[in-house]
Amino acid sequence: MTAASIANSSGSADTAGASSTVTDSDVLVIGAGFGGIASALRMRARGYSVTLVDRLQAIGGRAQVFERGGFRHDAGPTVITAPFLFDELFELFDERREDHLEFRPLDPWYRFHFDDGQQFDYRPGIEDTNDEIARFDKGDIKGYARLLKTSKAIFEVGFEKLADKPFTRFGSMLAQIPAL
């Protein structure tokens, strides 16, 4: 298990695992993926000393690179749908994300390889992706358009309207299914 203290009282990162004494309140965040890191940073910005723990040897959750069998693997994330949330975390500490972290667009987002040797590139541009789809079956372009329309509607409800709502009971979450 890895433990890291998030920003000691001097504001610098301390990965020794010891809690700081900024306030009388200490916070333990379990899970050091993006959500855990964001929670820990928000608590730290409010003046709490925070310890972040994870079962893996490094923080980052899916945002890691690992090696197995002589190959290097990117565990994700492949698409960051809300980069402004990263900006918000840096702003909590009067910093700019661009001064510390660069987001680089990928093209293609995904490359699928098939047994017959063909490949399909899922691209950021709709027209580029339509061109890829057309190489396999032009009729599927209409299906892709329906997928985008449905995905957009789900995103608008799930992210824009519900992402900041607490679901403290299972029933309150189930009640949202028809809107999705």
N, C-alpha and C. Protein backbone atom coordinates (compact mmCIF):
# COMPACT_ATOMS: atom_id res chain seq x y z
N MET A 1 0.84 -1.18 0.00
CA MET A 1 0.00 0.00 0.00
C MET A 1 0.88 1.23 0.00
N THR A 2 0.48 2.21 -0.77
CA THR A 2 1.20 3.47 -0.85
C THR A 2 0.44 4.52 -0.06
N ALA A 3 1.17 5.33 0.69
CA ALA A 3 0.55 6.45 1.40
C ALA A 3 1.32 7.71 1.06
N ALA A 4 0.61 8.77 0.85
CA ALA A 4 1.25 10.05 0.57
C ALA A 4 0.49 11.15 1.28
N SER A 5 1.23 12.03 1.90
CA SER A 5 0.61 13.21 2.50
C SER A 5 0.53 14.26 1.42
N ILE A 6 -0.63 14.88 1.28
CA ILE A 6 -0.83 15.87 0.23
C ILE A 6 -0.56 17.25 0.80
N ALA A 7 0.53 17.85 0.37
CA ALA A 7 0.94 19.21 0.72
C ALA A 7 0.98 19.45 2.22
N ASN A 8 2.18 19.44 2.76
CA ASN A 8 2.33 19.73 4.18
C ASN A 8 2.13 21.21 4.44
N SER A 9 2.31 21.65 5.66
CA SER A 9 1.98 23.03 6.02
C SER A 9 2.79 24.06 5.24
N SER A 10 3.93 23.69 4.71
CA SER A 10 4.71 24.64 3.91
C SER A 10 4.22 24.70 2.47
N GLY A 11 3.26 23.80 2.13
CA GLY A 11 2.70 23.80 0.78
C GLY A 11 3.42 22.87 -0.16
N SER A 12 4.53 22.27 0.27
CA SER A 12 5.25 21.37 -0.62
C SER A 12 4.73 19.95 -0.47
N ALA A 13 4.93 19.14 -1.49
CA ALA A 13 4.47 17.76 -1.44
C ALA A 13 5.35 16.95 -0.52
N ASP A 14 4.73 16.09 0.26
CA ASP A 14 5.45 15.23 1.20
C ASP A 14 4.94 13.82 0.97
N THR A 15 5.78 12.95 0.45
CA THR A 15 5.35 11.59 0.15
C THR A 15 5.80 10.60 1.19
N ALA A 16 6.23 11.06 2.34
CA ALA A 16 6.69 10.15 3.39
C ALA A 16 5.54 9.45 4.09
N GLY A 17 4.31 9.89 3.86
CA GLY A 17 3.17 9.24 4.47
C GLY A 17 2.77 9.82 5.80
N ALA A 18 3.47 10.83 6.28
CA ALA A 18 3.13 11.44 7.56
C ALA A 18 2.10 12.53 7.36
N SER A 19 1.19 12.65 8.31
CA SER A 19 0.18 13.71 8.24
C SER A 19 0.79 15.03 8.65
N SER A 20 0.29 16.11 8.08
CA SER A 20 0.73 17.44 8.50
C SER A 20 -0.14 17.88 9.66
N THR A 21 0.21 19.00 10.29
CA THR A 21 -0.54 19.50 11.43
C THR A 21 -1.14 20.86 11.13
N VAL A 22 -1.71 21.04 9.94
CA VAL A 22 -2.27 22.32 9.54
C VAL A 22 -3.47 22.67 10.42
N THR A 23 -4.34 21.72 10.68
CA THR A 23 -5.50 21.93 11.53
C THR A 23 -5.62 20.75 12.47
N ASP A 24 -6.60 20.80 13.34
CA ASP A 24 -6.85 19.66 14.22
C ASP A 24 -7.53 18.52 13.49
N SER A 25 -8.03 18.77 12.31
CA SER A 25 -8.74 17.76 11.54
C SER A 25 -7.80 17.11 10.53
N ASP A 26 -7.78 15.79 10.52
CA ASP A 26 -7.03 15.04 9.51
C ASP A 26 -8.02 14.29 8.64
N VAL A 27 -7.70 14.16 7.37
CA VAL A 27 -8.56 13.47 6.42
C VAL A 27 -7.77 12.33 5.79
N LEU A 28 -8.37 11.15 5.71
CA LEU A 28 -7.78 10.01 5.03
C LEU A 28 -8.60 9.76 3.78
N VAL A 29 -7.96 9.79 2.62
CA VAL A 29 -8.62 9.49 1.35
C VAL A 29 -8.09 8.15 0.88
N ILE A 30 -8.99 7.22 0.64
CA ILE A 30 -8.61 5.88 0.19
C ILE A 30 -8.88 5.79 -1.31
N GLY A 31 -7.84 5.52 -2.06
CA GLY A 31 -7.93 5.44 -3.51
C GLY A 31 -7.27 6.65 -4.14
N ALA A 32 -6.19 6.42 -4.87
CA ALA A 32 -5.40 7.53 -5.41
C ALA A 32 -5.51 7.63 -6.93
N GLY A 33 -6.71 7.36 -7.45
CA GLY A 33 -7.00 7.66 -8.85
C GLY A 33 -7.32 9.14 -8.96
N PHE A 34 -7.81 9.55 -10.13
CA PHE A 34 -8.13 10.97 -10.32
C PHE A 34 -9.11 11.48 -9.27
N GLY A 35 -10.14 10.70 -8.97
CA GLY A 35 -11.15 11.12 -8.00
C GLY A 35 -10.57 11.27 -6.61
N GLY A 36 -9.75 10.31 -6.18
CA GLY A 36 -9.13 10.40 -4.86
C GLY A 36 -8.16 11.56 -4.76
N ILE A 37 -7.35 11.74 -5.79
CA ILE A 37 -6.41 12.87 -5.79
C ILE A 37 -7.17 14.19 -5.74
N ALA A 38 -8.23 14.30 -6.54
CA ALA A 38 -9.02 15.54 -6.56
C ALA A 38 -9.66 15.79 -5.19
N SER A 39 -10.19 14.75 -4.56
CA SER A 39 -10.79 14.91 -3.23
C SER A 39 -9.74 15.36 -2.22
N ALA A 40 -8.58 14.73 -2.26
CA ALA A 40 -7.50 15.09 -1.33
C ALA A 40 -7.06 16.54 -1.54
N LEU A 41 -6.94 16.96 -2.78
CA LEU A 41 -6.53 18.34 -3.06
C LEU A 41 -7.59 19.34 -2.59
N ARG A 42 -8.85 19.00 -2.80
CA ARG A 42 -9.91 19.91 -2.35
C ARG A 42 -9.91 20.05 -0.82
N MET A 43 -9.70 18.94 -0.13
CA MET A 43 -9.62 18.99 1.34
C MET A 43 -8.40 19.80 1.79
N ARG A 44 -7.28 19.59 1.11
CA ARG A 44 -6.05 20.33 1.45
C ARG A 44 -6.24 21.82 1.22
N ALA A 45 -6.94 22.19 0.15
CA ALA A 45 -7.19 23.61 -0.12
C ALA A 45 -8.05 24.24 0.97
N ARG A 46 -8.82 23.42 1.67
CA ARG A 46 -9.64 23.92 2.78
C ARG A 46 -8.88 23.94 4.10
N GLY A 47 -7.61 23.56 4.06
CA GLY A 47 -6.78 23.66 5.25
C GLY A 47 -6.59 22.38 6.04
N TYR A 48 -7.16 21.28 5.59
CA TYR A 48 -7.00 20.02 6.29
C TYR A 48 -5.67 19.37 5.92
N SER A 49 -5.09 18.64 6.87
CA SER A 49 -3.96 17.79 6.51
C SER A 49 -4.57 16.51 5.95
N VAL A 50 -4.00 16.01 4.88
CA VAL A 50 -4.61 14.91 4.15
C VAL A 50 -3.59 13.81 3.92
N THR A 51 -4.01 12.58 4.16
CA THR A 51 -3.21 11.42 3.78
C THR A 51 -3.99 10.65 2.73
N LEU A 52 -3.33 10.35 1.63
CA LEU A 52 -3.92 9.66 0.49
C LEU A 52 -3.28 8.28 0.41
N VAL A 53 -4.10 7.22 0.41
CA VAL A 53 -3.56 5.86 0.34
C VAL A 53 -4.14 5.12 -0.85
N ASP A 54 -3.36 4.19 -1.36
CA ASP A 54 -3.80 3.37 -2.48
C ASP A 54 -3.14 2.01 -2.36
N ARG A 55 -3.79 0.98 -2.88
CA ARG A 55 -3.23 -0.37 -2.82
C ARG A 55 -2.07 -0.56 -3.80
N LEU A 56 -2.00 0.30 -4.81
CA LEU A 56 -0.91 0.21 -5.78
C LEU A 56 0.32 0.94 -5.28
N GLN A 57 1.45 0.69 -5.92
CA GLN A 57 2.71 1.31 -5.51
C GLN A 57 2.84 2.76 -5.94
N ALA A 58 2.01 3.19 -6.88
CA ALA A 58 2.08 4.57 -7.38
C ALA A 58 0.67 5.14 -7.42
N ILE A 59 0.57 6.45 -7.25
CA ILE A 59 -0.74 7.08 -7.35
C ILE A 59 -1.10 7.29 -8.82
N GLY A 60 -2.37 7.51 -9.08
CA GLY A 60 -2.82 7.79 -10.44
C GLY A 60 -3.94 6.90 -10.92
N GLY A 61 -4.20 5.79 -10.25
CA GLY A 61 -5.27 4.91 -10.71
C GLY A 61 -5.01 4.44 -12.12
N ARG A 62 -5.99 4.66 -13.00
CA ARG A 62 -5.82 4.25 -14.40
C ARG A 62 -4.82 5.11 -15.15
N ALA A 63 -4.45 6.23 -14.61
CA ALA A 63 -3.52 7.13 -15.30
C ALA A 63 -2.09 6.71 -15.00
N GLN A 64 -1.75 5.50 -15.37
CA GLN A 64 -0.41 4.97 -15.13
C GLN A 64 0.13 4.29 -16.38
N VAL A 65 1.40 4.13 -16.37
CA VAL A 65 2.08 3.32 -17.38
C VAL A 65 2.73 2.18 -16.63
N PHE A 66 2.58 0.97 -17.15
CA PHE A 66 3.20 -0.18 -16.49
C PHE A 66 3.85 -1.08 -17.53
N GLU A 67 4.79 -1.89 -17.06
CA GLU A 67 5.49 -2.81 -17.95
C GLU A 67 5.20 -4.25 -17.55
N ARG A 68 4.94 -5.07 -18.57
CA ARG A 68 4.74 -6.51 -18.37
C ARG A 68 5.28 -7.23 -19.59
N GLY A 69 6.01 -8.28 -19.34
CA GLY A 69 6.51 -9.09 -20.44
C GLY A 69 7.34 -8.34 -21.44
N GLY A 70 8.05 -7.31 -20.98
CA GLY A 70 8.88 -6.53 -21.88
C GLY A 70 8.14 -5.47 -22.68
N PHE A 71 6.83 -5.33 -22.43
CA PHE A 71 6.04 -4.33 -23.15
C PHE A 71 5.58 -3.24 -22.19
N ARG A 72 5.51 -2.04 -22.71
CA ARG A 72 5.04 -0.90 -21.92
C ARG A 72 3.58 -0.62 -22.28
N HIS A 73 2.73 -0.51 -21.25
CA HIS A 73 1.29 -0.33 -21.45
C HIS A 73 0.83 0.98 -20.83
N ASP A 74 0.00 1.71 -21.55
CA ASP A 74 -0.66 2.90 -21.04
C ASP A 74 -2.02 2.45 -20.52
N ALA A 75 -2.24 2.57 -19.21
CA ALA A 75 -3.48 2.09 -18.61
C ALA A 75 -4.64 3.07 -18.82
N GLY A 76 -4.39 4.23 -19.34
CA GLY A 76 -5.46 5.22 -19.56
C GLY A 76 -5.12 6.48 -18.82
N PRO A 77 -5.95 7.44 -18.71
CA PRO A 77 -7.22 7.56 -19.42
C PRO A 77 -6.97 7.92 -20.88
N THR A 78 -7.83 7.45 -21.73
CA THR A 78 -7.64 7.71 -23.14
C THR A 78 -8.27 9.03 -23.57
N VAL A 79 -9.35 9.42 -22.90
CA VAL A 79 -10.03 10.67 -23.23
C VAL A 79 -10.33 11.41 -21.94
N ILE A 80 -9.96 12.65 -21.87
CA ILE A 80 -10.30 13.49 -20.72
C ILE A 80 -11.46 14.38 -21.17
N THR A 81 -12.65 14.07 -20.66
CA THR A 81 -13.85 14.76 -21.13
C THR A 81 -14.07 16.11 -20.48
N ALA A 82 -13.41 16.38 -19.37
CA ALA A 82 -13.63 17.65 -18.66
C ALA A 82 -12.31 18.24 -18.19
N PRO A 83 -11.48 18.72 -19.13
CA PRO A 83 -10.18 19.27 -18.73
C PRO A 83 -10.30 20.46 -17.78
N PHE A 84 -11.42 21.16 -17.83
CA PHE A 84 -11.61 22.32 -16.94
C PHE A 84 -11.60 21.91 -15.47
N LEU A 85 -11.92 20.64 -15.17
CA LEU A 85 -11.87 20.19 -13.78
C LEU A 85 -10.42 20.11 -13.28
N PHE A 86 -9.49 19.79 -14.16
CA PHE A 86 -8.07 19.82 -13.80
C PHE A 86 -7.64 21.26 -13.53
N ASP A 87 -8.09 22.17 -14.39
CA ASP A 87 -7.76 23.59 -14.21
C ASP A 87 -8.25 24.07 -12.84
N GLU A 88 -9.46 23.65 -12.47
CA GLU A 88 -10.03 24.05 -11.19
C GLU A 88 -9.15 23.62 -10.02
N LEU A 89 -8.60 22.41 -10.08
CA LEU A 89 -7.75 21.93 -8.99
C LEU A 89 -6.48 22.77 -8.85
N PHE A 90 -5.88 23.13 -9.96
CA PHE A 90 -4.68 23.97 -9.89
C PHE A 90 -5.03 25.36 -9.36
N GLU A 91 -6.18 25.88 -9.76
CA GLU A 91 -6.60 27.21 -9.32
C GLU A 91 -6.81 27.27 -7.81
N LEU A 92 -7.16 26.15 -7.18
CA LEU A 92 -7.31 26.11 -5.72
C LEU A 92 -6.03 26.53 -5.01
N PHE A 93 -4.89 26.34 -5.69
CA PHE A 93 -3.59 26.66 -5.11
C PHE A 93 -2.92 27.83 -5.85
N ASP A 94 -3.75 28.63 -6.51
CA ASP A 94 -3.27 29.79 -7.28
C ASP A 94 -2.20 29.41 -8.29
N GLU A 95 -2.43 28.31 -8.96
CA GLU A 95 -1.51 27.83 -10.00
C GLU A 95 -2.29 27.66 -11.31
N ARG A 96 -1.53 27.60 -12.40
CA ARG A 96 -2.11 27.32 -13.71
C ARG A 96 -1.69 25.93 -14.15
N ARG A 97 -2.67 25.14 -14.58
CA ARG A 97 -2.36 23.78 -15.02
C ARG A 97 -1.31 23.80 -16.12
N GLU A 98 -1.42 24.74 -17.04
CA GLU A 98 -0.51 24.80 -18.19
C GLU A 98 0.94 24.96 -17.78
N ASP A 99 1.18 25.49 -16.58
CA ASP A 99 2.56 25.65 -16.09
C ASP A 99 3.14 24.34 -15.57
N HIS A 100 2.30 23.33 -15.38
CA HIS A 100 2.75 22.07 -14.78
C HIS A 100 2.42 20.84 -15.62
N LEU A 101 1.38 20.94 -16.41
CA LEU A 101 0.84 19.76 -17.08
C LEU A 101 0.34 20.15 -18.46
N GLU A 102 0.75 19.39 -19.46
CA GLU A 102 0.32 19.65 -20.84
C GLU A 102 -0.61 18.54 -21.30
N PHE A 103 -1.78 18.92 -21.77
CA PHE A 103 -2.66 17.97 -22.42
C PHE A 103 -2.34 17.97 -23.90
N ARG A 104 -2.06 16.80 -24.45
CA ARG A 104 -1.76 16.70 -25.87
C ARG A 104 -2.87 15.92 -26.56
N PRO A 105 -3.43 16.49 -27.61
CA PRO A 105 -4.48 15.76 -28.32
C PRO A 105 -3.91 14.55 -29.04
N LEU A 106 -4.66 13.47 -29.01
CA LEU A 106 -4.26 12.24 -29.70
C LEU A 106 -5.09 12.08 -30.96
N ASP A 107 -4.46 11.62 -32.00
CA ASP A 107 -5.15 11.30 -33.24
C ASP A 107 -4.40 10.14 -33.88
N PRO A 108 -5.00 8.96 -33.85
CA PRO A 108 -6.36 8.64 -33.45
C PRO A 108 -6.50 8.49 -31.92
N TRP A 109 -7.77 8.55 -31.47
CA TRP A 109 -8.03 8.27 -30.06
C TRP A 109 -7.79 6.79 -29.78
N TYR A 110 -8.30 5.95 -30.68
CA TYR A 110 -8.15 4.50 -30.55
C TYR A 110 -7.78 3.93 -31.91
N ARG A 111 -7.01 2.86 -31.90
CA ARG A 111 -6.73 2.12 -33.13
C ARG A 111 -7.07 0.66 -32.84
N PHE A 112 -8.01 0.14 -33.61
CA PHE A 112 -8.44 -1.24 -33.45
C PHE A 112 -7.78 -2.08 -34.55
N HIS A 113 -7.20 -3.19 -34.16
CA HIS A 113 -6.57 -4.12 -35.10
C HIS A 113 -7.42 -5.38 -35.18
N PHE A 114 -7.68 -5.84 -36.40
CA PHE A 114 -8.49 -7.03 -36.61
C PHE A 114 -7.62 -8.19 -37.07
N ASP A 115 -8.13 -9.40 -36.87
CA ASP A 115 -7.39 -10.61 -37.23
C ASP A 115 -7.00 -10.66 -38.70
N ASP A 116 -7.82 -10.04 -39.56
CA ASP A 116 -7.53 -10.09 -40.99
C ASP A 116 -6.51 -9.04 -41.43
N GLY A 117 -5.94 -8.31 -40.46
CA GLY A 117 -4.91 -7.32 -40.77
C GLY A 117 -5.43 -5.90 -40.95
N GLN A 118 -6.74 -5.75 -41.05
CA GLN A 118 -7.29 -4.40 -41.18
C GLN A 118 -7.22 -3.67 -39.84
N GLN A 119 -7.30 -2.37 -39.92
CA GLN A 119 -7.37 -1.57 -38.70
C GLN A 119 -8.40 -0.48 -38.87
N PHE A 120 -8.92 -0.01 -37.73
CA PHE A 120 -9.91 1.05 -37.72
C PHE A 120 -9.43 2.10 -36.74
N ASP A 121 -9.34 3.34 -37.19
CA ASP A 121 -8.93 4.45 -36.33
C ASP A 121 -10.16 5.25 -35.92
N TYR A 122 -10.39 5.32 -34.61
CA TYR A 122 -11.45 6.17 -34.08
C TYR A 122 -10.83 7.53 -33.85
N ARG A 123 -11.27 8.52 -34.61
CA ARG A 123 -10.60 9.81 -34.68
C ARG A 123 -11.40 10.90 -33.97
N PRO A 124 -10.75 12.00 -33.60
CA PRO A 124 -11.46 13.09 -32.93
C PRO A 124 -12.49 13.80 -33.81
N GLY A 125 -12.25 13.86 -35.10
CA GLY A 125 -13.19 14.54 -35.99
C GLY A 125 -14.26 13.57 -36.49
N ILE A 126 -15.50 14.02 -36.46
CA ILE A 126 -16.61 13.17 -36.90
C ILE A 126 -16.44 12.76 -38.35
N GLU A 127 -16.08 13.69 -39.21
CA GLU A 127 -15.91 13.36 -40.63
C GLU A 127 -14.78 12.34 -40.83
N ASP A 128 -13.70 12.50 -40.09
CA ASP A 128 -12.59 11.54 -40.19
C ASP A 128 -13.05 10.15 -39.75
N THR A 129 -13.83 10.08 -38.68
CA THR A 129 -14.34 8.79 -38.22
C THR A 129 -15.33 8.23 -39.23
N ASN A 130 -16.17 9.09 -39.80
CA ASN A 130 -17.08 8.62 -40.85
C ASN A 130 -16.32 8.02 -42.03
N ASP A 131 -15.20 8.62 -42.39
CA ASP A 131 -14.38 8.07 -43.48
C ASP A 131 -13.89 6.67 -43.12
N GLU A 132 -13.49 6.49 -41.87
CA GLU A 132 -13.05 5.16 -41.41
C GLU A 132 -14.20 4.16 -41.47
N ILE A 133 -15.36 4.58 -41.00
CA ILE A 133 -16.54 3.70 -41.01
C ILE A 133 -16.88 3.31 -42.44
N ALA A 134 -16.81 4.27 -43.36
CA ALA A 134 -17.16 4.02 -44.76
C ALA A 134 -16.25 2.97 -45.39
N ARG A 135 -15.02 2.86 -44.91
CA ARG A 135 -14.12 1.84 -45.45
C ARG A 135 -14.66 0.43 -45.18
N PHE A 136 -15.48 0.31 -44.13
CA PHE A 136 -16.04 -1.00 -43.78
C PHE A 136 -17.47 -1.15 -44.30
N ASP A 137 -18.31 -0.14 -44.03
CA ASP A 137 -19.70 -0.19 -44.47
C ASP A 137 -20.31 1.21 -44.37
N LYS A 138 -20.57 1.82 -45.51
CA LYS A 138 -21.11 3.19 -45.51
C LYS A 138 -22.43 3.29 -44.77
N GLY A 139 -23.19 2.21 -44.76
CA GLY A 139 -24.48 2.21 -44.06
C GLY A 139 -24.35 2.40 -42.56
N ASP A 140 -23.19 2.09 -42.02
CA ASP A 140 -23.00 2.23 -40.57
C ASP A 140 -22.80 3.68 -40.14
N ILE A 141 -22.60 4.58 -41.08
CA ILE A 141 -22.42 6.00 -40.73
C ILE A 141 -23.67 6.53 -40.04
N LYS A 142 -24.86 6.12 -40.52
CA LYS A 142 -26.11 6.56 -39.88
C LYS A 142 -26.18 6.03 -38.44
N GLY A 143 -25.75 4.81 -38.23
CA GLY A 143 -25.74 4.25 -36.88
C GLY A 143 -24.79 5.01 -35.97
N TYR A 144 -23.66 5.43 -36.51
CA TYR A 144 -22.70 6.21 -35.72
C TYR A 144 -23.31 7.56 -35.34
N ALA A 145 -24.04 8.17 -36.26
CA ALA A 145 -24.71 9.45 -35.97
C ALA A 145 -25.73 9.27 -34.84
N ARG A 146 -26.47 8.15 -34.86
CA ARG A 146 -27.42 7.88 -33.78
C ARG A 146 -26.70 7.67 -32.45
N LEU A 147 -25.56 6.96 -32.50
CA LEU A 147 -24.76 6.75 -31.29
C LEU A 147 -24.31 8.08 -30.70
N LEU A 148 -23.82 8.98 -31.55
CA LEU A 148 -23.37 10.29 -31.06
C LEU A 148 -24.52 11.08 -30.44
N LYS A 149 -25.68 11.04 -31.08
CA LYS A 149 -26.85 11.76 -30.56
C LYS A 149 -27.27 11.21 -29.20
N THR A 150 -27.32 9.89 -29.09
CA THR A 150 -27.70 9.26 -27.82
C THR A 150 -26.66 9.54 -26.75
N SER A 151 -25.39 9.42 -27.10
CA SER A 151 -24.31 9.68 -26.14
C SER A 151 -24.35 11.11 -25.64
N LYS A 152 -24.62 12.05 -26.54
CA LYS A 152 -24.69 13.46 -26.15
C LYS A 152 -25.82 13.68 -25.15
N ALA A 153 -26.97 13.07 -25.40
CA ALA A 153 -28.11 13.23 -24.49
C ALA A 153 -27.79 12.65 -23.11
N ILE A 154 -27.14 11.50 -23.07
CA ILE A 154 -26.76 10.89 -21.79
C ILE A 154 -25.75 11.77 -21.08
N PHE A 155 -24.77 12.30 -21.81
CA PHE A 155 -23.75 13.17 -21.22
C PHE A 155 -24.40 14.42 -20.63
N GLU A 156 -25.33 15.02 -21.38
CA GLU A 156 -25.96 16.26 -20.90
C GLU A 156 -26.70 16.04 -19.59
N VAL A 157 -27.33 14.89 -19.43
CA VAL A 157 -28.01 14.61 -18.16
C VAL A 157 -27.01 14.13 -17.12
N GLY A 158 -26.26 13.10 -17.46
CA GLY A 158 -25.37 12.47 -16.49
C GLY A 158 -24.26 13.36 -15.98
N PHE A 159 -23.67 14.15 -16.85
CA PHE A 159 -22.55 14.99 -16.43
C PHE A 159 -23.00 16.40 -16.08
N GLU A 160 -23.71 17.03 -16.99
CA GLU A 160 -24.05 18.43 -16.79
C GLU A 160 -25.12 18.66 -15.73
N LYS A 161 -26.03 17.71 -15.54
CA LYS A 161 -27.11 17.92 -14.57
C LYS A 161 -26.95 17.10 -13.29
N LEU A 162 -26.27 15.96 -13.35
CA LEU A 162 -26.23 15.07 -12.19
C LEU A 162 -24.87 14.88 -11.55
N ALA A 163 -23.80 15.29 -12.21
CA ALA A 163 -22.45 14.98 -11.72
C ALA A 163 -22.18 15.55 -10.34
N ASP A 164 -22.79 16.67 -10.01
CA ASP A 164 -22.52 17.29 -8.70
C ASP A 164 -23.59 16.96 -7.66
N LYS A 165 -24.49 16.03 -7.98
CA LYS A 165 -25.55 15.65 -7.05
C LYS A 165 -25.13 14.42 -6.25
N PRO A 166 -25.28 14.49 -4.93
CA PRO A 166 -24.96 13.31 -4.12
C PRO A 166 -26.09 12.28 -4.21
N PHE A 167 -25.73 11.05 -4.40
CA PHE A 167 -26.70 9.95 -4.37
C PHE A 167 -26.44 9.17 -3.09
N THR A 168 -27.11 9.59 -2.03
CA THR A 168 -26.88 8.99 -0.72
C THR A 168 -27.71 7.73 -0.51
N ARG A 169 -28.69 7.53 -1.36
CA ARG A 169 -29.50 6.31 -1.29
C ARG A 169 -29.56 5.70 -2.69
N PHE A 170 -29.59 4.38 -2.74
CA PHE A 170 -29.64 3.68 -4.01
C PHE A 170 -30.87 4.11 -4.82
N GLY A 171 -31.99 4.30 -4.15
CA GLY A 171 -33.22 4.70 -4.82
C GLY A 171 -33.11 6.05 -5.51
N SER A 172 -32.36 6.97 -4.92
CA SER A 172 -32.21 8.29 -5.54
C SER A 172 -31.42 8.20 -6.84
N MET A 173 -30.52 7.23 -6.91
CA MET A 173 -29.78 7.03 -8.15
C MET A 173 -30.68 6.33 -9.18
N LEU A 174 -31.41 5.32 -8.75
CA LEU A 174 -32.30 4.62 -9.67
C LEU A 174 -33.34 5.55 -10.29
N ALA A 175 -33.78 6.54 -9.54
CA ALA A 175 -34.79 7.47 -10.03
C ALA A 175 -34.30 8.27 -11.24
N GLN A 176 -33.00 8.34 -11.46
CA GLN A 176 -32.44 9.11 -12.57
C GLN A 176 -32.38 8.32 -13.88
N ILE A 177 -32.55 7.02 -13.82
CA ILE A 177 -32.40 6.18 -15.01
C ILE A 177 -33.30 6.61 -16.17
N PRO A 178 -34.58 6.92 -15.95
CA PRO A 178 -35.40 7.33 -17.10
C PRO A 178 -34.87 8.57 -17.82
N ALA A 179 -34.23 9.47 -17.10
CA ALA A 179 -33.69 10.68 -17.74
C ALA A 179 -32.48 10.39 -18.60
N LEU A 180 -31.84 9.26 -18.35
CA LEU A 180 -30.65 8.91 -19.12
C LEU A 180 -31.06 8.19 -20.40
